[in-house]
Amino acid sequence: MEPLTGAATQRVLDALGAAGRLVQNKGADTWAAQCPAHDDRNPSLSLKRIRGMVLIHCRAGCETTDVVSALSLTMGDLFDDRRGVDYHYRAGGSTTRIVHRGPDKRFTQNVIDKRVVSLYLPTGLDLSAAINRG
């Protein structure tokens, strides 16, 4: 499991500060800020630090890509590691598969233990092809 480094959160908080946006700490790992993608008088942008990344949501309806762009950041900047985050699934104390979430919101799997069935198998995809792909 990746540590909660907060690199992505700090990146976004720094960019909001550089853009002159008001940021309020709302508690453990949670902030509210003026959204840089629209004329925001009251903080409508929510930030939440989670394992490996920061979640952002504009309650006024701005798209995340527009918010990120207004801060001169990329979607990859929302991750502590700009390539994304890995989720390790374990059984019996050992990793059976790793699911990678990329900045483009794609999830890919790397099956370590081929005896374990894939978590996501789209209709029409051959199971053996899906397992051998990893």
N, C-alpha and C. Protein backbone atom coordinates (compact mmCIF):
# COMPACT_ATOMS: atom_id res chain seq x y z
N MET A 1 0.84 -1.17 0.00
CA MET A 1 0.00 0.00 0.00
C MET A 1 0.89 1.24 0.00
N GLU A 2 0.55 2.23 -0.86
CA GLU A 2 1.31 3.46 -0.92
C GLU A 2 1.08 4.28 0.35
N PRO A 3 2.13 4.95 0.82
CA PRO A 3 1.94 5.80 1.99
C PRO A 3 1.14 7.05 1.62
N LEU A 4 0.53 7.67 2.62
CA LEU A 4 -0.23 8.89 2.41
C LEU A 4 0.76 10.05 2.45
N THR A 5 1.44 10.30 1.32
CA THR A 5 2.48 11.33 1.30
C THR A 5 1.90 12.72 1.19
N GLY A 6 0.81 12.85 0.45
CA GLY A 6 0.20 14.16 0.29
C GLY A 6 0.86 15.04 -0.74
N ALA A 7 1.76 14.49 -1.55
CA ALA A 7 2.44 15.30 -2.57
C ALA A 7 1.45 15.94 -3.53
N ALA A 8 0.46 15.19 -3.96
CA ALA A 8 -0.54 15.73 -4.89
C ALA A 8 -1.37 16.82 -4.22
N THR A 9 -1.76 16.57 -2.98
CA THR A 9 -2.56 17.56 -2.25
C THR A 9 -1.78 18.86 -2.11
N GLN A 10 -0.52 18.74 -1.74
CA GLN A 10 0.30 19.94 -1.57
C GLN A 10 0.47 20.67 -2.89
N ARG A 11 0.62 19.93 -3.98
CA ARG A 11 0.74 20.51 -5.32
C ARG A 11 -0.49 21.37 -5.65
N VAL A 12 -1.68 20.81 -5.38
CA VAL A 12 -2.92 21.53 -5.67
C VAL A 12 -3.09 22.72 -4.73
N LEU A 13 -2.82 22.54 -3.44
CA LEU A 13 -2.92 23.65 -2.49
C LEU A 13 -1.97 24.78 -2.86
N ASP A 14 -0.75 24.44 -3.26
CA ASP A 14 0.22 25.46 -3.68
C ASP A 14 -0.27 26.21 -4.92
N ALA A 15 -0.84 25.47 -5.88
CA ALA A 15 -1.34 26.10 -7.11
C ALA A 15 -2.53 27.02 -6.80
N LEU A 16 -3.40 26.61 -5.89
CA LEU A 16 -4.52 27.46 -5.49
C LEU A 16 -4.01 28.74 -4.83
N GLY A 17 -3.00 28.60 -3.97
CA GLY A 17 -2.41 29.77 -3.33
C GLY A 17 -1.76 30.71 -4.33
N ALA A 18 -1.03 30.14 -5.29
CA ALA A 18 -0.38 30.94 -6.32
C ALA A 18 -1.40 31.67 -7.19
N ALA A 19 -2.59 31.08 -7.34
CA ALA A 19 -3.66 31.70 -8.13
C ALA A 19 -4.47 32.71 -7.31
N GLY A 20 -4.08 32.89 -6.04
CA GLY A 20 -4.76 33.85 -5.18
C GLY A 20 -6.13 33.40 -4.70
N ARG A 21 -6.35 32.10 -4.64
CA ARG A 21 -7.64 31.55 -4.22
C ARG A 21 -7.65 31.28 -2.72
N LEU A 22 -8.75 31.62 -2.08
CA LEU A 22 -8.93 31.36 -0.66
C LEU A 22 -9.05 29.86 -0.44
N VAL A 23 -8.29 29.35 0.52
CA VAL A 23 -8.34 27.92 0.88
C VAL A 23 -8.62 27.82 2.37
N GLN A 24 -9.58 26.97 2.73
CA GLN A 24 -9.93 26.76 4.13
C GLN A 24 -9.74 25.29 4.49
N ASN A 25 -9.04 25.04 5.61
CA ASN A 25 -8.90 23.68 6.10
C ASN A 25 -10.20 23.31 6.80
N LYS A 26 -10.82 22.21 6.38
CA LYS A 26 -12.10 21.79 6.94
C LYS A 26 -11.98 20.60 7.87
N GLY A 27 -10.77 20.18 8.15
CA GLY A 27 -10.59 19.03 9.03
C GLY A 27 -9.52 18.12 8.47
N ALA A 28 -9.44 16.94 9.03
CA ALA A 28 -8.41 15.98 8.62
C ALA A 28 -8.52 15.68 7.12
N ASP A 29 -7.49 16.05 6.39
CA ASP A 29 -7.35 15.71 4.97
C ASP A 29 -8.46 16.28 4.09
N THR A 30 -9.10 17.38 4.51
CA THR A 30 -10.21 17.97 3.75
C THR A 30 -10.07 19.49 3.72
N TRP A 31 -10.29 20.08 2.53
CA TRP A 31 -10.22 21.52 2.35
C TRP A 31 -11.37 21.99 1.47
N ALA A 32 -11.67 23.29 1.57
CA ALA A 32 -12.59 23.96 0.65
C ALA A 32 -11.81 25.15 0.09
N ALA A 33 -12.04 25.46 -1.18
CA ALA A 33 -11.31 26.56 -1.81
C ALA A 33 -12.19 27.23 -2.85
N GLN A 34 -11.82 28.47 -3.18
CA GLN A 34 -12.47 29.14 -4.29
C GLN A 34 -12.03 28.45 -5.57
N CYS A 35 -12.98 28.07 -6.39
CA CYS A 35 -12.68 27.35 -7.63
C CYS A 35 -12.02 28.30 -8.63
N PRO A 36 -10.88 27.89 -9.20
CA PRO A 36 -10.20 28.74 -10.18
C PRO A 36 -10.83 28.69 -11.57
N ALA A 37 -11.79 27.80 -11.79
CA ALA A 37 -12.38 27.65 -13.11
C ALA A 37 -13.60 28.55 -13.32
N HIS A 38 -14.05 29.22 -12.26
CA HIS A 38 -15.15 30.17 -12.41
C HIS A 38 -15.01 31.26 -11.35
N ASP A 39 -15.76 32.35 -11.52
CA ASP A 39 -15.73 33.45 -10.57
C ASP A 39 -16.42 32.99 -9.29
N ASP A 40 -15.63 32.61 -8.32
CA ASP A 40 -16.12 31.96 -7.11
C ASP A 40 -15.90 32.86 -5.90
N ARG A 41 -16.97 33.38 -5.33
CA ARG A 41 -16.84 34.23 -4.14
C ARG A 41 -16.82 33.40 -2.86
N ASN A 42 -17.59 32.33 -2.86
CA ASN A 42 -17.62 31.42 -1.71
C ASN A 42 -16.97 30.10 -2.13
N PRO A 43 -16.10 29.56 -1.29
CA PRO A 43 -15.40 28.33 -1.68
C PRO A 43 -16.37 27.20 -2.07
N SER A 44 -16.32 26.82 -3.33
CA SER A 44 -17.18 25.73 -3.81
C SER A 44 -16.36 24.51 -4.25
N LEU A 45 -15.05 24.62 -4.16
CA LEU A 45 -14.18 23.52 -4.56
C LEU A 45 -13.82 22.69 -3.32
N SER A 46 -14.15 21.41 -3.35
CA SER A 46 -13.82 20.50 -2.26
C SER A 46 -12.56 19.73 -2.62
N LEU A 47 -11.67 19.57 -1.66
CA LEU A 47 -10.47 18.77 -1.82
C LEU A 47 -10.43 17.73 -0.72
N LYS A 48 -10.05 16.51 -1.07
CA LYS A 48 -9.96 15.42 -0.09
C LYS A 48 -8.72 14.61 -0.40
N ARG A 49 -7.81 14.52 0.56
CA ARG A 49 -6.61 13.71 0.38
C ARG A 49 -6.95 12.27 0.73
N ILE A 50 -6.67 11.36 -0.20
CA ILE A 50 -6.82 9.93 0.05
C ILE A 50 -5.50 9.26 -0.32
N ARG A 51 -5.42 7.97 -0.12
CA ARG A 51 -4.19 7.24 -0.39
C ARG A 51 -3.75 7.42 -1.84
N GLY A 52 -2.61 8.06 -2.02
CA GLY A 52 -2.00 8.17 -3.34
C GLY A 52 -2.49 9.29 -4.22
N MET A 53 -3.51 10.04 -3.78
CA MET A 53 -4.03 11.09 -4.65
C MET A 53 -4.87 12.10 -3.88
N VAL A 54 -5.28 13.14 -4.58
CA VAL A 54 -6.22 14.12 -4.03
C VAL A 54 -7.46 14.13 -4.92
N LEU A 55 -8.62 14.11 -4.30
CA LEU A 55 -9.89 14.21 -5.02
C LEU A 55 -10.32 15.67 -5.01
N ILE A 56 -10.77 16.18 -6.15
CA ILE A 56 -11.30 17.54 -6.19
C ILE A 56 -12.68 17.51 -6.85
N HIS A 57 -13.56 18.37 -6.34
CA HIS A 57 -14.93 18.44 -6.87
C HIS A 57 -15.46 19.85 -6.71
N CYS A 58 -15.89 20.45 -7.81
CA CYS A 58 -16.50 21.78 -7.75
C CYS A 58 -18.01 21.60 -7.61
N ARG A 59 -18.54 22.09 -6.50
CA ARG A 59 -19.98 21.96 -6.25
C ARG A 59 -20.80 22.90 -7.14
N ALA A 60 -20.14 23.82 -7.86
CA ALA A 60 -20.85 24.69 -8.80
C ALA A 60 -20.96 24.02 -10.17
N GLY A 61 -20.30 22.88 -10.35
CA GLY A 61 -20.46 22.12 -11.59
C GLY A 61 -19.30 22.17 -12.56
N CYS A 62 -18.20 22.80 -12.22
CA CYS A 62 -17.05 22.83 -13.13
C CYS A 62 -16.49 21.42 -13.30
N GLU A 63 -16.05 21.12 -14.50
CA GLU A 63 -15.41 19.83 -14.77
C GLU A 63 -14.04 19.80 -14.10
N THR A 64 -13.65 18.66 -13.62
CA THR A 64 -12.34 18.51 -12.98
C THR A 64 -11.22 18.93 -13.92
N THR A 65 -11.33 18.56 -15.20
CA THR A 65 -10.29 18.94 -16.17
C THR A 65 -10.18 20.45 -16.29
N ASP A 66 -11.29 21.18 -16.19
CA ASP A 66 -11.26 22.64 -16.27
C ASP A 66 -10.60 23.24 -15.03
N VAL A 67 -10.88 22.67 -13.87
CA VAL A 67 -10.27 23.14 -12.62
C VAL A 67 -8.76 22.93 -12.67
N VAL A 68 -8.36 21.73 -13.07
CA VAL A 68 -6.94 21.39 -13.15
C VAL A 68 -6.23 22.30 -14.15
N SER A 69 -6.84 22.51 -15.30
CA SER A 69 -6.26 23.36 -16.33
C SER A 69 -6.13 24.81 -15.85
N ALA A 70 -7.13 25.31 -15.13
CA ALA A 70 -7.08 26.68 -14.61
C ALA A 70 -5.93 26.87 -13.62
N LEU A 71 -5.48 25.79 -13.03
CA LEU A 71 -4.34 25.83 -12.10
C LEU A 71 -3.01 25.54 -12.79
N SER A 72 -3.05 25.38 -14.12
CA SER A 72 -1.87 25.02 -14.92
C SER A 72 -1.27 23.69 -14.46
N LEU A 73 -2.16 22.77 -14.08
CA LEU A 73 -1.75 21.42 -13.68
C LEU A 73 -2.28 20.43 -14.71
N THR A 74 -1.93 19.17 -14.53
CA THR A 74 -2.46 18.09 -15.37
C THR A 74 -3.23 17.13 -14.47
N MET A 75 -4.00 16.25 -15.08
CA MET A 75 -4.72 15.24 -14.29
C MET A 75 -3.72 14.37 -13.53
N GLY A 76 -2.54 14.14 -14.09
CA GLY A 76 -1.51 13.37 -13.40
C GLY A 76 -1.05 14.03 -12.12
N ASP A 77 -1.17 15.37 -12.05
CA ASP A 77 -0.76 16.09 -10.84
C ASP A 77 -1.68 15.81 -9.65
N LEU A 78 -2.82 15.17 -9.89
CA LEU A 78 -3.73 14.83 -8.80
C LEU A 78 -3.29 13.56 -8.07
N PHE A 79 -2.24 12.93 -8.56
CA PHE A 79 -1.70 11.72 -7.96
C PHE A 79 -0.35 12.03 -7.32
N ASP A 80 -0.05 11.41 -6.17
CA ASP A 80 1.26 11.58 -5.55
C ASP A 80 2.35 11.18 -6.55
N ASP A 81 2.16 10.06 -7.20
CA ASP A 81 3.01 9.62 -8.31
C ASP A 81 2.21 9.95 -9.56
N ARG A 82 2.70 10.85 -10.38
CA ARG A 82 1.94 11.36 -11.53
C ARG A 82 1.48 10.28 -12.50
N ARG A 83 2.04 9.08 -12.39
CA ARG A 83 1.63 7.98 -13.28
C ARG A 83 0.35 7.32 -12.80
N GLY A 84 -0.08 7.60 -11.57
CA GLY A 84 -1.30 7.01 -11.04
C GLY A 84 -1.04 6.33 -9.71
N VAL A 85 -1.95 5.46 -9.33
CA VAL A 85 -1.86 4.77 -8.05
C VAL A 85 -2.16 3.29 -8.25
N ASP A 86 -1.47 2.46 -7.49
CA ASP A 86 -1.68 1.01 -7.54
C ASP A 86 -2.43 0.55 -6.31
N TYR A 87 -3.41 -0.31 -6.53
CA TYR A 87 -4.16 -0.94 -5.44
C TYR A 87 -3.77 -2.41 -5.42
N HIS A 88 -3.24 -2.86 -4.30
CA HIS A 88 -2.80 -4.25 -4.15
C HIS A 88 -3.91 -5.07 -3.49
N TYR A 89 -4.31 -6.13 -4.16
CA TYR A 89 -5.32 -7.04 -3.62
C TYR A 89 -4.61 -8.29 -3.12
N ARG A 90 -4.90 -8.65 -1.88
CA ARG A 90 -4.20 -9.75 -1.23
C ARG A 90 -5.16 -10.87 -0.86
N ALA A 91 -4.60 -12.07 -0.84
CA ALA A 91 -5.33 -13.25 -0.35
C ALA A 91 -4.30 -14.13 0.33
N GLY A 92 -4.60 -14.56 1.52
CA GLY A 92 -3.68 -15.42 2.25
C GLY A 92 -2.33 -14.77 2.53
N GLY A 93 -2.32 -13.44 2.66
CA GLY A 93 -1.09 -12.74 3.00
C GLY A 93 -0.21 -12.36 1.83
N SER A 94 -0.57 -12.75 0.61
CA SER A 94 0.27 -12.38 -0.53
C SER A 94 -0.57 -11.65 -1.58
N THR A 95 0.09 -10.83 -2.37
CA THR A 95 -0.58 -10.07 -3.42
C THR A 95 -1.01 -11.01 -4.53
N THR A 96 -2.29 -10.95 -4.87
CA THR A 96 -2.81 -11.79 -5.96
C THR A 96 -2.99 -10.99 -7.24
N ARG A 97 -3.23 -9.69 -7.11
CA ARG A 97 -3.35 -8.84 -8.29
C ARG A 97 -3.08 -7.40 -7.88
N ILE A 98 -2.67 -6.62 -8.86
CA ILE A 98 -2.47 -5.19 -8.67
C ILE A 98 -3.34 -4.48 -9.70
N VAL A 99 -4.16 -3.56 -9.23
CA VAL A 99 -4.98 -2.76 -10.14
C VAL A 99 -4.40 -1.35 -10.15
N HIS A 100 -4.11 -0.86 -11.35
CA HIS A 100 -3.52 0.47 -11.51
C HIS A 100 -4.59 1.44 -11.99
N ARG A 101 -4.74 2.56 -11.28
CA ARG A 101 -5.64 3.63 -11.72
C ARG A 101 -4.77 4.74 -12.27
N GLY A 102 -4.92 5.00 -13.56
CA GLY A 102 -4.14 6.05 -14.20
C GLY A 102 -4.84 7.40 -14.14
N PRO A 103 -4.12 8.46 -14.48
CA PRO A 103 -4.71 9.80 -14.48
C PRO A 103 -5.90 9.94 -15.42
N ASP A 104 -5.99 9.07 -16.43
CA ASP A 104 -7.11 9.10 -17.38
C ASP A 104 -8.31 8.32 -16.87
N LYS A 105 -8.28 7.89 -15.60
CA LYS A 105 -9.34 7.12 -14.94
C LYS A 105 -9.47 5.71 -15.50
N ARG A 106 -8.46 5.22 -16.17
CA ARG A 106 -8.46 3.83 -16.64
C ARG A 106 -7.91 2.95 -15.53
N PHE A 107 -8.49 1.77 -15.44
CA PHE A 107 -8.04 0.79 -14.47
C PHE A 107 -7.50 -0.41 -15.23
N THR A 108 -6.24 -0.77 -14.97
CA THR A 108 -5.67 -1.96 -15.59
C THR A 108 -5.24 -2.90 -14.48
N GLN A 109 -5.24 -4.19 -14.81
CA GLN A 109 -4.90 -5.20 -13.81
C GLN A 109 -3.63 -5.93 -14.19
N ASN A 110 -2.88 -6.28 -13.18
CA ASN A 110 -1.75 -7.17 -13.32
C ASN A 110 -2.02 -8.34 -12.38
N VAL A 111 -2.35 -9.48 -12.96
CA VAL A 111 -2.68 -10.65 -12.16
C VAL A 111 -1.39 -11.37 -11.79
N ILE A 112 -1.10 -11.43 -10.51
CA ILE A 112 0.11 -12.08 -10.01
C ILE A 112 -0.13 -13.58 -9.88
N ASP A 113 -1.24 -13.94 -9.28
CA ASP A 113 -1.61 -15.34 -9.07
C ASP A 113 -2.66 -15.70 -10.11
N LYS A 114 -2.25 -16.41 -11.14
CA LYS A 114 -3.13 -16.71 -12.28
C LYS A 114 -4.29 -17.63 -11.90
N ARG A 115 -4.28 -18.18 -10.69
CA ARG A 115 -5.40 -19.02 -10.25
C ARG A 115 -6.57 -18.16 -9.78
N VAL A 116 -6.33 -16.87 -9.59
CA VAL A 116 -7.37 -15.96 -9.11
C VAL A 116 -8.07 -15.33 -10.31
N VAL A 117 -9.39 -15.36 -10.31
CA VAL A 117 -10.17 -14.81 -11.42
C VAL A 117 -10.08 -13.29 -11.42
N SER A 118 -10.03 -12.72 -12.60
CA SER A 118 -9.94 -11.28 -12.78
C SER A 118 -11.12 -10.56 -12.13
N LEU A 119 -10.88 -9.37 -11.56
CA LEU A 119 -11.95 -8.60 -10.93
C LEU A 119 -12.97 -8.09 -11.94
N TYR A 120 -12.48 -7.60 -13.07
CA TYR A 120 -13.35 -7.00 -14.07
C TYR A 120 -13.15 -7.73 -15.38
N LEU A 121 -14.19 -8.33 -15.89
CA LEU A 121 -14.10 -9.06 -17.14
C LEU A 121 -15.26 -8.62 -18.03
N PRO A 122 -14.97 -7.69 -18.98
CA PRO A 122 -16.03 -7.21 -19.86
C PRO A 122 -16.66 -8.36 -20.64
N THR A 123 -17.95 -8.25 -20.89
CA THR A 123 -18.67 -9.24 -21.67
C THR A 123 -18.00 -9.41 -23.02
N GLY A 124 -17.83 -10.65 -23.43
CA GLY A 124 -17.23 -10.93 -24.73
C GLY A 124 -15.72 -11.09 -24.70
N LEU A 125 -15.07 -10.80 -23.57
CA LEU A 125 -13.63 -10.95 -23.48
C LEU A 125 -13.31 -12.35 -22.99
N ASP A 126 -12.39 -12.99 -23.65
CA ASP A 126 -11.98 -14.34 -23.29
C ASP A 126 -11.18 -14.28 -21.99
N LEU A 127 -11.57 -15.07 -20.99
CA LEU A 127 -10.92 -15.06 -19.69
C LEU A 127 -9.44 -15.41 -19.80
N SER A 128 -9.09 -16.42 -20.58
CA SER A 128 -7.68 -16.80 -20.69
C SER A 128 -6.87 -15.68 -21.34
N ALA A 129 -7.46 -14.96 -22.28
CA ALA A 129 -6.76 -13.83 -22.91
C ALA A 129 -6.56 -12.71 -21.89
N ALA A 130 -7.57 -12.49 -21.05
CA ALA A 130 -7.47 -11.44 -20.03
C ALA A 130 -6.39 -11.77 -19.01
N ILE A 131 -6.29 -13.02 -18.60
CA ILE A 131 -5.30 -13.43 -17.61
C ILE A 131 -3.90 -13.39 -18.21
N ASN A 132 -3.74 -13.85 -19.42
CA ASN A 132 -2.43 -13.88 -20.06
C ASN A 132 -1.93 -12.49 -20.44
N ARG A 133 -2.84 -11.54 -20.52
CA ARG A 133 -2.49 -10.17 -20.89
C ARG A 133 -1.59 -9.53 -19.85
N GLY A 134 -1.83 -9.82 -18.56
CA GLY A 134 -1.12 -9.19 -17.45
C GLY A 134 0.28 -9.63 -17.39
